[in-house]
């Protein structure tokens, strides 16, 4: 009697990109058929750029031996469907190639998070021009560059948070800091209207009378 067939390769890949978007990779369907490893390119220009910019990136990626290229014209702040498709397509042993880091990531933190995830999955990352230098995460020098970059990103964030705390402290000392705006609970306002007038409701909830009138439609 034939033994039980081996379990098929899982269709889902768990990704942990920290605070950055996951691009739906976890839910992406991937073929179970095995294939040889390959160099995969990703190109992006914003919607305001000319098509020539995207074509130039694709030309550079082909020159770098990219066998399949995912390209799109979309703002970095918008959902990047082709990036999600590209990240889902990649398999262990593949190499993801981009022309510049800002074509792949919105920020240094996002770039580092994507690289960490690719590394965990056994996928290399090549940036053809990163400050004029070629970065290839498969070699120690590039790994060192990323480590330094991560340190700089952490330092910049700490500086930003420190300045934010100082600004809040100064605003509090000057009596100008009020914290986050108070949220308006429309249901509570309508409930209180049965017992109180608009002015009394505003005083009780600590909001402007205009907000009460707006909710009540008066």
Protein backbone atom coordinates (compact mmCIF):
# COMPACT_ATOMS: atom_id res chain seq x y z
CA UNK A 1 0.00 0.00 0.00
CA UNK A 2 1.37 3.36 -0.96
CA UNK A 3 2.30 5.65 1.90
CA UNK A 4 0.60 8.94 2.56
CA UNK A 5 1.68 11.67 0.13
CA UNK A 6 3.96 14.36 1.58
CA UNK A 7 2.32 17.53 2.82
CA UNK A 8 2.14 20.20 0.11
CA UNK A 9 4.23 23.31 0.42
CA UNK A 10 2.32 25.91 2.49
CA UNK A 11 0.64 28.71 0.56
CA UNK A 12 1.12 31.31 3.28
CA UNK A 13 4.25 33.14 4.33
CA UNK A 14 4.15 34.91 7.68
CA UNK A 15 5.78 38.32 7.57
CA UNK A 16 6.70 40.66 10.40
CA UNK A 17 7.42 44.13 9.12
CA UNK A 18 7.15 45.89 12.47
CA UNK A 19 5.20 49.15 12.05
CA UNK A 20 5.31 49.14 8.27
CA UNK A 21 2.69 47.68 5.93
CA UNK A 22 2.74 43.95 5.24
CA UNK A 23 1.45 44.41 1.67
CA UNK A 24 -0.81 41.39 2.12
CA UNK A 25 2.04 38.92 1.64
CA UNK A 26 0.63 36.66 4.34
CA UNK A 27 -2.53 36.13 2.28
CA UNK A 28 -0.92 35.91 -1.13
CA UNK A 29 -1.46 32.67 -3.06
CA UNK A 30 1.66 31.12 -4.49
CA UNK A 31 2.17 28.22 -6.85
CA UNK A 32 3.22 24.93 -5.31
CA UNK A 33 5.35 24.07 -8.33
CA UNK A 34 9.07 24.28 -7.64
CA UNK A 35 11.17 26.52 -9.85
CA UNK A 36 14.80 27.57 -10.05
CA UNK A 37 15.92 30.62 -8.14
CA UNK A 38 15.90 33.90 -10.03
CA UNK A 39 16.62 37.62 -9.88
CA UNK A 40 13.40 39.59 -9.51
CA UNK A 41 13.19 43.34 -10.10
CA UNK A 42 10.82 45.94 -8.69
CA UNK A 43 10.40 49.38 -10.27
CA UNK A 44 8.19 52.28 -9.21
CA UNK A 45 7.56 55.87 -10.14
CA UNK A 46 4.96 58.20 -8.70
CA UNK A 47 1.80 58.92 -10.67
CA UNK A 48 3.18 62.34 -11.60
CA UNK A 49 6.36 60.95 -13.18
CA UNK A 50 6.67 60.28 -16.86
CA UNK A 51 6.52 56.74 -18.16
CA UNK A 52 10.13 57.18 -19.27
CA UNK A 53 11.23 57.06 -15.63
CA UNK A 54 9.68 53.64 -15.16
CA UNK A 55 11.15 52.43 -18.44
CA UNK A 56 14.61 53.60 -17.34
CA UNK A 57 14.37 51.63 -14.11
CA UNK A 58 13.21 48.53 -15.96
CA UNK A 59 16.13 48.92 -18.37
CA UNK A 60 18.61 49.10 -15.48
CA UNK A 61 17.01 46.07 -13.82
CA UNK A 62 17.26 44.04 -17.02
CA UNK A 63 20.90 45.05 -17.29
CA UNK A 64 21.32 43.66 -13.77
CA UNK A 65 19.97 40.31 -15.05
CA UNK A 66 16.46 40.61 -13.61
CA UNK A 67 14.38 37.86 -15.20
CA UNK A 68 11.03 39.11 -13.99
CA UNK A 69 10.14 42.71 -13.21
CA UNK A 70 7.19 44.06 -11.26
CA UNK A 71 6.58 47.71 -12.13
CA UNK A 72 3.96 50.27 -11.18
CA UNK A 73 3.23 53.99 -11.29
CA UNK A 74 1.88 54.87 -7.87
CA UNK A 75 2.70 57.28 -5.07
CA UNK A 76 4.78 55.86 -2.21
CA UNK A 77 1.98 56.81 0.20
CA UNK A 78 -0.63 54.81 -1.72
CA UNK A 79 -1.18 51.06 -1.67
CA UNK A 80 1.43 49.39 -3.85
CA UNK A 81 -0.26 46.31 -5.29
CA UNK A 82 2.69 45.30 -7.47
CA UNK A 83 5.07 45.45 -4.52
CA UNK A 84 2.78 43.12 -2.60
CA UNK A 85 2.69 40.79 -5.61
CA UNK A 86 6.47 40.96 -5.94
CA UNK A 87 7.15 40.15 -2.29
CA UNK A 88 4.68 37.25 -2.44
CA UNK A 89 6.32 35.88 -5.61
CA UNK A 90 9.82 35.70 -4.09
CA UNK A 91 11.11 32.32 -2.95
CA UNK A 92 14.08 31.16 -0.93
CA UNK A 93 17.28 31.71 -2.91
CA UNK A 94 15.81 34.52 -5.03
CA UNK A 95 17.26 38.03 -5.16
CA UNK A 96 15.12 41.16 -5.13
CA UNK A 97 16.72 44.01 -7.08
CA UNK A 98 15.75 47.69 -7.08
CA UNK A 99 17.49 50.70 -8.61
CA UNK A 100 17.35 52.90 -5.48
CA UNK A 101 16.13 52.40 -1.90
CA UNK A 102 13.32 54.96 -2.21
CA UNK A 103 11.81 52.92 -5.04
CA UNK A 104 11.23 50.09 -2.54
CA UNK A 105 10.54 51.75 0.81
CA UNK A 106 8.92 54.89 2.20
CA UNK A 107 11.52 55.30 4.93
CA UNK A 108 14.75 53.91 6.34
CA UNK A 109 12.74 51.99 8.94
CA UNK A 110 10.61 50.35 6.27
CA UNK A 111 13.66 49.48 4.16
CA UNK A 112 15.32 47.81 7.13
CA UNK A 113 12.15 45.91 8.08
CA UNK A 114 11.70 44.59 4.56
CA UNK A 115 15.36 43.54 4.40
CA UNK A 116 15.10 41.70 7.73
CA UNK A 117 12.06 39.81 6.52
CA UNK A 118 13.70 38.92 3.20
CA UNK A 119 16.78 37.71 5.05
CA UNK A 120 14.66 35.46 7.28
CA UNK A 121 13.11 33.94 4.16
CA UNK A 122 16.52 33.34 2.55
CA UNK A 123 16.08 36.07 -0.07
CA UNK A 124 18.80 38.54 -1.01
CA UNK A 125 18.32 42.26 -1.62
CA UNK A 126 20.33 44.28 -4.14
CA UNK A 127 20.10 48.07 -4.42
CA UNK A 128 21.90 49.18 -7.57
CA UNK A 129 22.61 52.68 -6.25
CA UNK A 130 22.53 53.50 -2.56
CA UNK A 131 24.34 56.78 -2.17
CA UNK A 132 26.27 55.92 -5.32
CA UNK A 133 27.28 52.47 -4.01
CA UNK A 134 25.86 49.08 -4.91
CA UNK A 135 24.37 47.26 -1.92
CA UNK A 136 24.05 43.49 -1.88
CA UNK A 137 22.87 41.95 1.40
CA UNK A 138 24.53 38.66 0.48
CA UNK A 139 27.95 40.10 1.37
CA UNK A 140 29.25 41.22 4.81
CA UNK A 141 30.11 44.79 3.74
CA UNK A 142 26.53 45.52 2.73
CA UNK A 143 25.27 43.96 5.96
CA UNK A 144 27.56 46.34 7.85
CA UNK A 145 26.19 49.29 5.88
CA UNK A 146 22.65 48.28 6.84
CA UNK A 147 23.64 47.92 10.50
CA UNK A 148 25.04 51.46 10.45
CA UNK A 149 21.90 52.66 8.67
CA UNK A 150 19.74 51.05 11.34
CA UNK A 151 21.76 52.80 14.05
CA UNK A 152 21.34 56.16 12.34
CA UNK A 153 17.58 55.59 11.95
CA UNK A 154 17.27 54.76 15.66
CA UNK A 155 19.28 57.84 16.60
CA UNK A 156 17.14 60.08 14.38
CA UNK A 157 13.97 58.74 15.98
CA UNK A 158 15.31 59.30 19.49
CA UNK A 159 16.25 62.88 18.58
CA UNK A 160 12.77 63.47 17.14
CA UNK A 161 11.08 62.10 20.27
CA UNK A 162 13.33 64.15 22.53
CA UNK A 163 12.47 67.35 20.64
CA UNK A 164 8.80 66.43 20.81
CA UNK A 165 8.99 65.99 24.59
CA UNK A 166 10.81 69.30 24.96
CA UNK A 167 8.18 71.05 22.85
CA UNK A 168 5.34 69.61 24.92
CA UNK A 169 7.07 70.62 28.17
CA UNK A 170 7.52 74.20 26.95
CA UNK A 171 3.89 74.36 25.77
CA UNK A 172 2.67 73.09 29.15
CA UNK A 173 4.80 75.65 30.98
CA UNK A 174 3.30 78.39 28.83
CA UNK A 175 -0.21 77.04 29.36
CA UNK A 176 -0.65 76.35 25.65
CA UNK A 177 -0.61 72.56 25.62
CA UNK A 178 -4.06 71.00 25.66
CA UNK A 179 -3.20 67.45 24.64
CA UNK A 180 -5.23 65.49 22.14
CA UNK A 181 -8.59 66.93 21.08
CA UNK A 182 -11.55 65.63 23.06
CA UNK A 183 -13.59 63.13 21.07
CA UNK A 184 -17.28 63.84 20.63
CA UNK A 185 -19.69 61.12 21.76
CA UNK A 186 -22.83 61.87 19.76
CA UNK A 187 -24.89 59.17 21.49
CA UNK A 188 -24.04 60.56 24.93
CA UNK A 189 -24.98 64.07 23.85
CA UNK A 190 -28.38 62.91 22.62
CA UNK A 191 -28.92 60.98 25.83
CA UNK A 192 -28.11 63.99 28.00
CA UNK A 193 -30.39 66.20 25.91
CA UNK A 194 -33.38 64.65 27.65
CA UNK A 195 -32.25 66.22 30.92
CA UNK A 196 -29.95 69.14 30.06
CA UNK A 197 -29.75 72.05 27.70
CA UNK A 198 -26.97 72.45 25.11
CA UNK A 199 -24.92 74.78 27.31
CA UNK A 200 -25.11 72.41 30.30
CA UNK A 201 -24.18 69.42 28.11
CA UNK A 202 -21.17 71.28 26.75
CA UNK A 203 -20.00 72.17 30.26
CA UNK A 204 -20.51 68.62 31.56
CA UNK A 205 -18.57 67.01 28.69
CA UNK A 206 -15.94 69.73 28.44
CA UNK A 207 -16.66 70.51 24.80
CA UNK A 208 -17.76 73.58 22.86
CA UNK A 209 -21.44 74.40 22.62
CA UNK A 210 -21.09 74.52 18.84
CA UNK A 211 -20.17 70.81 18.92
CA UNK A 212 -23.33 70.05 20.86
CA UNK A 213 -25.48 72.06 18.45
CA UNK A 214 -23.83 70.32 15.50
CA UNK A 215 -24.68 66.87 16.89
CA UNK A 216 -28.23 67.89 17.75
CA UNK A 217 -28.69 69.54 14.39
CA UNK A 218 -29.93 72.80 15.90
